[in-house]
Protein backbone atom coordinates (compact mmCIF):
# COMPACT_ATOMS: atom_id res chain seq x y z
CA UNK A 1 -22.99 -8.46 9.45
CA UNK A 2 -19.55 -6.97 9.02
CA UNK A 3 -17.10 -9.42 7.47
CA UNK A 4 -13.80 -10.44 9.01
CA UNK A 5 -11.96 -7.91 6.82
CA UNK A 6 -13.60 -4.95 8.55
CA UNK A 7 -12.44 -3.35 11.73
CA UNK A 8 -14.06 -0.53 13.63
CA UNK A 9 -11.67 0.98 16.07
CA UNK A 10 -12.40 2.75 19.29
CA UNK A 11 -8.96 2.37 20.85
CA UNK A 12 -7.34 3.26 17.55
CA UNK A 13 -8.58 6.84 17.78
CA UNK A 14 -5.31 8.48 18.70
CA UNK A 15 -4.67 12.17 18.27
CA UNK A 16 -2.09 13.38 15.83
CA UNK A 17 0.99 15.12 17.11
CA UNK A 18 0.53 18.73 18.07
CA UNK A 19 2.67 19.81 15.12
CA UNK A 20 0.19 18.46 12.59
CA UNK A 21 -2.35 20.89 11.23
CA UNK A 22 -5.62 19.63 9.81
CA UNK A 23 -6.29 20.47 6.21
CA UNK A 24 -9.82 21.47 7.19
CA UNK A 25 -12.43 20.75 9.81
CA UNK A 26 -14.24 18.42 7.41
CA UNK A 27 -14.04 14.65 7.88
CA UNK A 28 -11.46 12.97 5.67
CA UNK A 29 -11.43 9.53 4.08
CA UNK A 30 -8.07 8.05 3.14
CA UNK A 31 -7.98 5.16 0.68
CA UNK A 32 -4.89 2.95 1.00
CA UNK A 33 -4.36 0.42 -1.76
CA UNK A 34 -1.76 -0.92 -4.11
CA UNK A 35 -1.79 -1.07 -7.88
CA UNK A 36 -0.97 -4.80 -7.93
CA UNK A 37 -4.08 -5.77 -5.91
CA UNK A 38 -7.03 -7.06 -7.94
CA UNK A 39 -9.47 -6.00 -5.20
CA UNK A 40 -8.01 -2.47 -5.15
CA UNK A 41 -8.33 -2.26 -8.93
CA UNK A 42 -11.96 -3.40 -8.68
CA UNK A 43 -12.72 -0.83 -5.97
CA UNK A 44 -11.14 1.98 -7.99
CA UNK A 45 -12.95 0.97 -11.19
CA UNK A 46 -16.41 0.19 -9.77
CA UNK A 47 -16.88 1.76 -6.34
CA UNK A 48 -14.71 4.87 -6.33
CA UNK A 49 -16.62 6.52 -9.22
CA UNK A 50 -19.90 6.00 -7.34
CA UNK A 51 -18.36 7.46 -4.19
CA UNK A 52 -16.92 10.50 -5.99
CA UNK A 53 -20.32 11.19 -7.57
CA UNK A 54 -22.14 11.00 -4.21
CA UNK A 55 -23.45 13.76 -1.96
CA UNK A 56 -21.41 12.31 0.91
CA UNK A 57 -18.18 12.83 -1.04
CA UNK A 58 -18.96 16.54 -1.37
CA UNK A 59 -18.99 16.87 2.42
CA UNK A 60 -15.54 15.48 3.16
CA UNK A 61 -11.95 15.47 2.01
CA UNK A 62 -10.65 12.44 0.15
CA UNK A 63 -7.03 11.34 -0.19
CA UNK A 64 -5.55 8.37 -2.04
CA UNK A 65 -2.36 6.50 -1.25
CA UNK A 66 -1.83 4.04 -4.08
CA UNK A 67 1.75 2.78 -4.45
CA UNK A 68 2.83 0.29 -7.11
CA UNK A 69 2.82 -2.77 -4.83
CA UNK A 70 2.15 -3.93 -1.28
CA UNK A 71 5.81 -3.69 -0.30
CA UNK A 72 5.46 0.11 -0.47
CA UNK A 73 2.15 0.44 1.44
CA UNK A 74 3.68 1.06 4.84
CA UNK A 75 6.78 2.97 3.72
CA UNK A 76 6.81 6.59 4.89
CA UNK A 77 7.96 7.78 1.47
CA UNK A 78 4.74 6.43 -0.08
CA UNK A 79 2.66 8.75 2.12
CA UNK A 80 2.36 12.52 1.70
CA UNK A 81 4.16 14.26 4.58
CA UNK A 82 0.94 15.79 5.97
CA UNK A 83 -0.67 12.32 6.24
CA UNK A 84 2.25 10.37 7.71
CA UNK A 85 0.84 10.74 11.20
CA UNK A 86 -2.01 8.44 10.08
CA UNK A 87 0.54 5.81 9.05
CA UNK A 88 2.35 6.19 12.38
CA UNK A 89 -0.91 5.86 14.32
CA UNK A 90 -1.94 2.84 12.27
CA UNK A 91 1.42 1.08 12.67
CA UNK A 92 1.19 1.57 16.44
CA UNK A 93 -2.19 -0.22 16.53
CA UNK A 94 -2.78 -3.96 16.85
CA UNK A 95 -4.49 -4.02 13.45
CA UNK A 96 -1.56 -2.22 11.86
CA UNK A 97 0.90 -4.71 13.29
CA UNK A 98 -1.13 -7.80 12.40
CA UNK A 99 -2.86 -6.81 9.16
CA UNK A 100 -1.04 -3.74 7.92
CA UNK A 101 -0.88 -4.81 4.30
CA UNK A 102 -4.53 -5.85 3.95
CA UNK A 103 -6.07 -3.72 1.21
CA UNK A 104 -8.10 -1.94 0.13
CA UNK A 105 -8.13 -0.11 3.45
CA UNK A 106 -10.13 2.98 4.31
CA UNK A 107 -9.47 5.38 7.18
CA UNK A 108 -12.02 7.89 8.47
CA UNK A 109 -10.31 10.86 10.09
CA UNK A 110 -12.16 13.43 12.19
CA UNK A 111 -10.62 16.22 14.24
CA UNK A 112 -7.10 14.89 13.56
CA UNK A 113 -8.00 11.43 14.87
CA UNK A 114 -8.46 8.14 13.05
CA UNK A 115 -11.95 7.26 14.23
CA UNK A 116 -12.82 4.31 12.00
CA UNK A 117 -11.18 1.96 9.55
CA UNK A 118 -12.46 -0.78 7.26
CA UNK A 119 -10.88 -3.16 4.77
CA UNK A 120 -12.04 -4.82 1.59
CA UNK A 121 -14.90 -4.01 -0.72
CA UNK A 122 -17.35 -5.59 1.75
CA UNK A 123 -15.90 -3.41 4.49
CA UNK A 124 -16.41 -0.34 2.33
CA UNK A 125 -19.97 -1.27 1.39
CA UNK A 126 -21.15 -2.61 4.76
CA UNK A 127 -19.23 -0.42 7.23
CA UNK A 128 -17.35 2.58 5.84
CA UNK A 129 -20.02 3.85 3.46
CA UNK A 130 -22.78 3.82 6.12
CA UNK A 131 -20.35 5.53 8.52
CA UNK A 132 -19.63 8.24 5.92
CA UNK A 133 -23.35 8.82 5.43
CA UNK A 134 -23.81 9.12 9.19
CA UNK A 135 -20.84 11.43 9.77
CA UNK A 136 -21.77 13.73 6.89
CA UNK A 137 -25.51 13.70 7.61
CA UNK A 138 -26.19 12.44 4.11
CA UNK A 139 -29.39 10.45 3.50
CA UNK A 140 -28.93 6.96 2.06
């Protein structure tokens, strides 16, 4: 069962503006967290090293947005210019409006669209990680 801190989005899959160029055709995972969050610190210390060492990681691009505190999470200046379209798309969604500062948050981007998002360590473990394995064709 996926916990309440996980959200899979079908309607959230909005295309980026035509001026945005994808970094590659590979899927991309974006980690959004803040340095003041205990759960983000735990994910970075315990789960991120396992992810980075995995075969799935080798088949996608990975970006980290990790400002000092939650007040900076949704500020455009905290995001690299080439990823700001993800922030804009997220902020235009119901989840972005209602739970924008819930972290850790993970975005799966495919073909310049946010196709899936999950929050929390349980969301990573129970939803995002299986989705990454599926998208990359990586055996569990």
